[in-house]
Amino acid sequence: MNENFIRSIQAIISAYPEINPKQKNAILAACGEQSVRQELINRKAVREFLGISDPTIRQWIARGLIKPVVFSKRKIRFVKNDILALAHYGVPSENRGVTL
């Protein structure tokens, strides 16, 4: 997305104090802003949301149903909205896994 466009949208948003941070992030995300942060959750939270075990999490990662954000071999997180979509609607993540 054009940087000038994003800066213009940010300037417009900041001119309206009634727009809260959550709404601001949603607007920027809709405009293609890449720096909007998404909440990450750990394996335990995934187990609780989906009602599955660690081996099932590994199988679902291998099958592409859930996409991990890999910080190291032992530190893996998941995008909360992707897990919630899978839990509520049975929709797998469209995002690709990320290695940091």
N, C-alpha and C. Protein backbone atom coordinates (compact mmCIF):
# COMPACT_ATOMS: atom_id res chain seq x y z
N MET A 1 0.85 -1.17 0.00
CA MET A 1 0.00 0.00 0.00
C MET A 1 0.90 1.23 0.00
N ASN A 2 0.46 2.26 -0.65
CA ASN A 2 1.21 3.50 -0.75
C ASN A 2 1.40 4.13 0.63
N GLU A 3 2.66 4.45 0.97
CA GLU A 3 2.95 5.03 2.30
C GLU A 3 2.24 6.36 2.50
N ASN A 4 2.15 7.16 1.45
CA ASN A 4 1.46 8.45 1.57
C ASN A 4 -0.02 8.25 1.89
N PHE A 5 -0.61 7.24 1.30
CA PHE A 5 -2.01 6.93 1.57
C PHE A 5 -2.20 6.58 3.05
N ILE A 6 -1.33 5.70 3.55
CA ILE A 6 -1.41 5.28 4.96
C ILE A 6 -1.21 6.48 5.88
N ARG A 7 -0.22 7.31 5.57
CA ARG A 7 0.00 8.51 6.40
C ARG A 7 -1.22 9.43 6.38
N SER A 8 -1.86 9.56 5.23
CA SER A 8 -3.06 10.39 5.13
C SER A 8 -4.18 9.84 5.99
N ILE A 9 -4.36 8.52 5.94
CA ILE A 9 -5.40 7.88 6.76
C ILE A 9 -5.09 8.07 8.25
N GLN A 10 -3.81 7.92 8.62
CA GLN A 10 -3.42 8.11 10.02
C GLN A 10 -3.70 9.55 10.46
N ALA A 11 -3.44 10.51 9.60
CA ALA A 11 -3.69 11.93 9.94
C ALA A 11 -5.18 12.17 10.12
N ILE A 12 -5.98 11.58 9.25
CA ILE A 12 -7.44 11.75 9.37
C ILE A 12 -7.94 11.12 10.66
N ILE A 13 -7.44 9.92 10.96
CA ILE A 13 -7.87 9.22 12.18
C ILE A 13 -7.50 10.03 13.42
N SER A 14 -6.28 10.59 13.44
CA SER A 14 -5.88 11.33 14.63
C SER A 14 -6.65 12.64 14.80
N ALA A 15 -7.30 13.11 13.76
CA ALA A 15 -8.11 14.33 13.86
C ALA A 15 -9.44 14.08 14.58
N TYR A 16 -9.77 12.81 14.77
CA TYR A 16 -11.03 12.47 15.42
C TYR A 16 -10.75 11.72 16.74
N PRO A 17 -10.75 12.43 17.87
CA PRO A 17 -10.43 11.79 19.15
C PRO A 17 -11.46 10.74 19.58
N GLU A 18 -12.64 10.76 19.00
CA GLU A 18 -13.65 9.77 19.38
C GLU A 18 -13.37 8.38 18.79
N ILE A 19 -12.40 8.28 17.90
CA ILE A 19 -12.01 6.97 17.36
C ILE A 19 -11.05 6.32 18.36
N ASN A 20 -11.48 5.19 18.91
CA ASN A 20 -10.64 4.52 19.91
C ASN A 20 -9.54 3.71 19.22
N PRO A 21 -8.53 3.26 19.99
CA PRO A 21 -7.41 2.52 19.39
C PRO A 21 -7.83 1.25 18.63
N LYS A 22 -8.83 0.55 19.14
CA LYS A 22 -9.28 -0.67 18.47
C LYS A 22 -9.87 -0.33 17.10
N GLN A 23 -10.66 0.75 17.04
CA GLN A 23 -11.23 1.18 15.77
C GLN A 23 -10.12 1.65 14.82
N LYS A 24 -9.14 2.35 15.38
CA LYS A 24 -8.01 2.82 14.58
C LYS A 24 -7.29 1.65 13.92
N ASN A 25 -7.00 0.61 14.71
CA ASN A 25 -6.34 -0.57 14.16
C ASN A 25 -7.18 -1.23 13.07
N ALA A 26 -8.49 -1.29 13.28
CA ALA A 26 -9.36 -1.91 12.28
C ALA A 26 -9.35 -1.11 10.97
N ILE A 27 -9.36 0.20 11.08
CA ILE A 27 -9.32 1.05 9.89
C ILE A 27 -8.00 0.86 9.15
N LEU A 28 -6.89 0.89 9.88
CA LEU A 28 -5.58 0.72 9.25
C LEU A 28 -5.43 -0.68 8.64
N ALA A 29 -5.98 -1.69 9.30
CA ALA A 29 -5.91 -3.04 8.75
C ALA A 29 -6.71 -3.13 7.45
N ALA A 30 -7.87 -2.47 7.44
CA ALA A 30 -8.68 -2.47 6.22
C ALA A 30 -7.99 -1.75 5.07
N CYS A 31 -7.14 -0.81 5.41
CA CYS A 31 -6.40 -0.06 4.39
C CYS A 31 -5.11 -0.76 3.98
N GLY A 32 -4.82 -1.89 4.57
CA GLY A 32 -3.63 -2.63 4.20
C GLY A 32 -2.41 -2.31 5.03
N GLU A 33 -2.57 -1.64 6.16
CA GLU A 33 -1.44 -1.33 7.04
C GLU A 33 -0.85 -2.63 7.56
N GLN A 34 0.43 -2.84 7.35
CA GLN A 34 1.09 -4.08 7.73
C GLN A 34 1.53 -4.11 9.18
N SER A 35 1.66 -2.95 9.82
CA SER A 35 2.21 -2.94 11.16
C SER A 35 1.17 -3.11 12.26
N VAL A 36 -0.07 -3.39 11.90
CA VAL A 36 -1.09 -3.62 12.90
C VAL A 36 -0.77 -4.93 13.61
N ARG A 37 -0.62 -4.88 14.92
CA ARG A 37 -0.23 -6.06 15.68
C ARG A 37 -1.45 -6.91 15.99
N GLN A 38 -1.23 -8.21 15.93
CA GLN A 38 -2.28 -9.15 16.28
C GLN A 38 -1.90 -9.83 17.58
N GLU A 39 -2.91 -10.13 18.38
CA GLU A 39 -2.66 -10.77 19.67
C GLU A 39 -2.26 -12.23 19.45
N LEU A 40 -1.19 -12.63 20.11
CA LEU A 40 -0.70 -14.00 20.02
C LEU A 40 -1.04 -14.75 21.29
N ILE A 41 -1.32 -16.05 21.13
CA ILE A 41 -1.62 -16.90 22.28
C ILE A 41 -0.71 -18.13 22.24
N ASN A 42 -0.56 -18.79 23.39
CA ASN A 42 0.30 -19.97 23.48
C ASN A 42 -0.50 -21.25 23.26
N ARG A 43 0.21 -22.38 23.33
CA ARG A 43 -0.42 -23.69 23.11
C ARG A 43 -1.55 -23.97 24.11
N LYS A 44 -1.33 -23.59 25.36
CA LYS A 44 -2.34 -23.85 26.39
C LYS A 44 -3.66 -23.17 26.02
N ALA A 45 -3.58 -21.92 25.57
CA ALA A 45 -4.80 -21.21 25.18
C ALA A 45 -5.46 -21.87 23.97
N VAL A 46 -4.64 -22.35 23.03
CA VAL A 46 -5.19 -23.05 21.86
C VAL A 46 -5.92 -24.30 22.31
N ARG A 47 -5.29 -25.06 23.23
CA ARG A 47 -5.95 -26.27 23.76
C ARG A 47 -7.30 -25.93 24.39
N GLU A 48 -7.35 -24.83 25.15
CA GLU A 48 -8.59 -24.44 25.82
C GLU A 48 -9.65 -23.98 24.81
N PHE A 49 -9.26 -23.14 23.84
CA PHE A 49 -10.23 -22.65 22.86
C PHE A 49 -10.78 -23.77 21.99
N LEU A 50 -9.91 -24.68 21.55
CA LEU A 50 -10.33 -25.72 20.61
C LEU A 50 -10.67 -27.04 21.27
N GLY A 51 -10.29 -27.20 22.54
CA GLY A 51 -10.57 -28.45 23.25
C GLY A 51 -9.80 -29.63 22.66
N ILE A 52 -8.53 -29.38 22.32
CA ILE A 52 -7.70 -30.42 21.72
C ILE A 52 -6.41 -30.59 22.52
N SER A 53 -5.66 -31.65 22.22
CA SER A 53 -4.42 -31.94 22.94
C SER A 53 -3.21 -31.43 22.16
N ASP A 54 -2.03 -31.47 22.79
CA ASP A 54 -0.80 -31.07 22.11
C ASP A 54 -0.51 -31.89 20.85
N PRO A 55 -0.68 -33.23 20.91
CA PRO A 55 -0.46 -33.99 19.67
C PRO A 55 -1.40 -33.56 18.54
N THR A 56 -2.63 -33.24 18.89
CA THR A 56 -3.59 -32.77 17.87
C THR A 56 -3.15 -31.42 17.32
N ILE A 57 -2.66 -30.53 18.18
CA ILE A 57 -2.14 -29.25 17.70
C ILE A 57 -1.03 -29.49 16.68
N ARG A 58 -0.11 -30.38 16.99
CA ARG A 58 0.99 -30.68 16.05
C ARG A 58 0.45 -31.24 14.73
N GLN A 59 -0.55 -32.11 14.81
CA GLN A 59 -1.14 -32.68 13.59
C GLN A 59 -1.82 -31.59 12.76
N TRP A 60 -2.55 -30.69 13.42
CA TRP A 60 -3.26 -29.64 12.71
C TRP A 60 -2.28 -28.65 12.08
N ILE A 61 -1.14 -28.42 12.74
CA ILE A 61 -0.10 -27.57 12.15
C ILE A 61 0.42 -28.25 10.88
N ALA A 62 0.72 -29.54 10.97
CA ALA A 62 1.24 -30.28 9.82
C ALA A 62 0.24 -30.30 8.66
N ARG A 63 -1.05 -30.38 8.97
CA ARG A 63 -2.09 -30.40 7.93
C ARG A 63 -2.44 -29.00 7.43
N GLY A 64 -1.92 -27.96 8.09
CA GLY A 64 -2.19 -26.60 7.66
C GLY A 64 -3.48 -26.00 8.18
N LEU A 65 -4.11 -26.65 9.15
CA LEU A 65 -5.36 -26.11 9.71
C LEU A 65 -5.08 -24.91 10.60
N ILE A 66 -3.96 -24.92 11.30
CA ILE A 66 -3.55 -23.77 12.10
C ILE A 66 -2.11 -23.42 11.74
N LYS A 67 -1.80 -22.14 11.78
CA LYS A 67 -0.48 -21.66 11.38
C LYS A 67 0.23 -21.07 12.60
N PRO A 68 1.39 -21.60 12.93
CA PRO A 68 2.13 -21.09 14.09
C PRO A 68 2.97 -19.86 13.74
N VAL A 69 3.26 -19.07 14.76
CA VAL A 69 4.27 -18.02 14.69
C VAL A 69 5.43 -18.57 15.51
N VAL A 70 6.52 -18.90 14.84
CA VAL A 70 7.64 -19.60 15.47
C VAL A 70 8.73 -18.61 15.87
N PHE A 71 8.98 -18.50 17.18
CA PHE A 71 10.06 -17.66 17.69
C PHE A 71 11.34 -18.48 17.85
N SER A 72 11.19 -19.72 18.28
CA SER A 72 12.30 -20.66 18.42
C SER A 72 11.69 -22.06 18.38
N LYS A 73 12.54 -23.08 18.53
CA LYS A 73 12.04 -24.45 18.48
C LYS A 73 10.98 -24.73 19.56
N ARG A 74 11.15 -24.11 20.72
CA ARG A 74 10.24 -24.36 21.83
C ARG A 74 9.20 -23.27 22.04
N LYS A 75 9.42 -22.10 21.47
CA LYS A 75 8.50 -20.99 21.69
C LYS A 75 7.67 -20.76 20.42
N ILE A 76 6.43 -21.25 20.48
CA ILE A 76 5.51 -21.14 19.35
C ILE A 76 4.24 -20.46 19.84
N ARG A 77 3.76 -19.52 19.07
CA ARG A 77 2.52 -18.82 19.40
C ARG A 77 1.58 -18.91 18.20
N PHE A 78 0.34 -18.51 18.43
CA PHE A 78 -0.69 -18.56 17.39
C PHE A 78 -1.47 -17.25 17.41
N VAL A 79 -1.96 -16.83 16.23
CA VAL A 79 -2.76 -15.61 16.15
C VAL A 79 -4.14 -15.94 16.73
N LYS A 80 -4.51 -15.19 17.76
CA LYS A 80 -5.74 -15.47 18.50
C LYS A 80 -6.97 -15.45 17.59
N ASN A 81 -7.07 -14.47 16.70
CA ASN A 81 -8.25 -14.39 15.83
C ASN A 81 -8.38 -15.59 14.92
N ASP A 82 -7.25 -16.15 14.46
CA ASP A 82 -7.28 -17.34 13.62
C ASP A 82 -7.82 -18.54 14.41
N ILE A 83 -7.38 -18.68 15.65
CA ILE A 83 -7.83 -19.79 16.49
C ILE A 83 -9.31 -19.64 16.83
N LEU A 84 -9.72 -18.41 17.13
CA LEU A 84 -11.14 -18.18 17.43
C LEU A 84 -12.02 -18.47 16.22
N ALA A 85 -11.56 -18.09 15.02
CA ALA A 85 -12.32 -18.38 13.80
C ALA A 85 -12.46 -19.88 13.62
N LEU A 86 -11.40 -20.62 13.88
CA LEU A 86 -11.46 -22.07 13.77
C LEU A 86 -12.39 -22.66 14.82
N ALA A 87 -12.33 -22.12 16.04
CA ALA A 87 -13.17 -22.62 17.13
C ALA A 87 -14.65 -22.35 16.87
N HIS A 88 -14.96 -21.16 16.38
CA HIS A 88 -16.37 -20.77 16.24
C HIS A 88 -16.98 -21.13 14.90
N TYR A 89 -16.18 -21.08 13.85
CA TYR A 89 -16.74 -21.26 12.51
C TYR A 89 -16.14 -22.42 11.74
N GLY A 90 -15.12 -23.06 12.29
CA GLY A 90 -14.47 -24.15 11.59
C GLY A 90 -13.68 -23.69 10.37
N VAL A 91 -13.26 -22.42 10.40
CA VAL A 91 -12.54 -21.83 9.27
C VAL A 91 -11.05 -21.84 9.58
N PRO A 92 -10.25 -22.57 8.80
CA PRO A 92 -8.81 -22.55 9.05
C PRO A 92 -8.20 -21.21 8.69
N SER A 93 -7.05 -20.94 9.24
CA SER A 93 -6.34 -19.70 9.00
C SER A 93 -5.93 -19.59 7.55
N GLU A 94 -6.05 -18.39 6.99
CA GLU A 94 -5.60 -18.14 5.63
C GLU A 94 -4.17 -17.60 5.65
N ASN A 95 -3.68 -17.25 6.85
CA ASN A 95 -2.32 -16.70 6.96
C ASN A 95 -1.30 -17.82 6.86
N ARG A 96 -0.14 -17.50 6.40
CA ARG A 96 0.96 -18.45 6.38
C ARG A 96 1.68 -18.38 7.71
N GLY A 97 2.29 -19.48 8.11
CA GLY A 97 3.09 -19.49 9.32
C GLY A 97 4.24 -18.50 9.19
N VAL A 98 4.68 -17.95 10.31
CA VAL A 98 5.73 -16.95 10.31
C VAL A 98 6.86 -17.45 11.21
N THR A 99 8.08 -17.31 10.76
CA THR A 99 9.23 -17.64 11.58
C THR A 99 9.98 -16.35 11.87
N LEU A 100 10.17 -16.05 13.15
CA LEU A 100 10.87 -14.82 13.54
C LEU A 100 12.27 -15.15 14.00
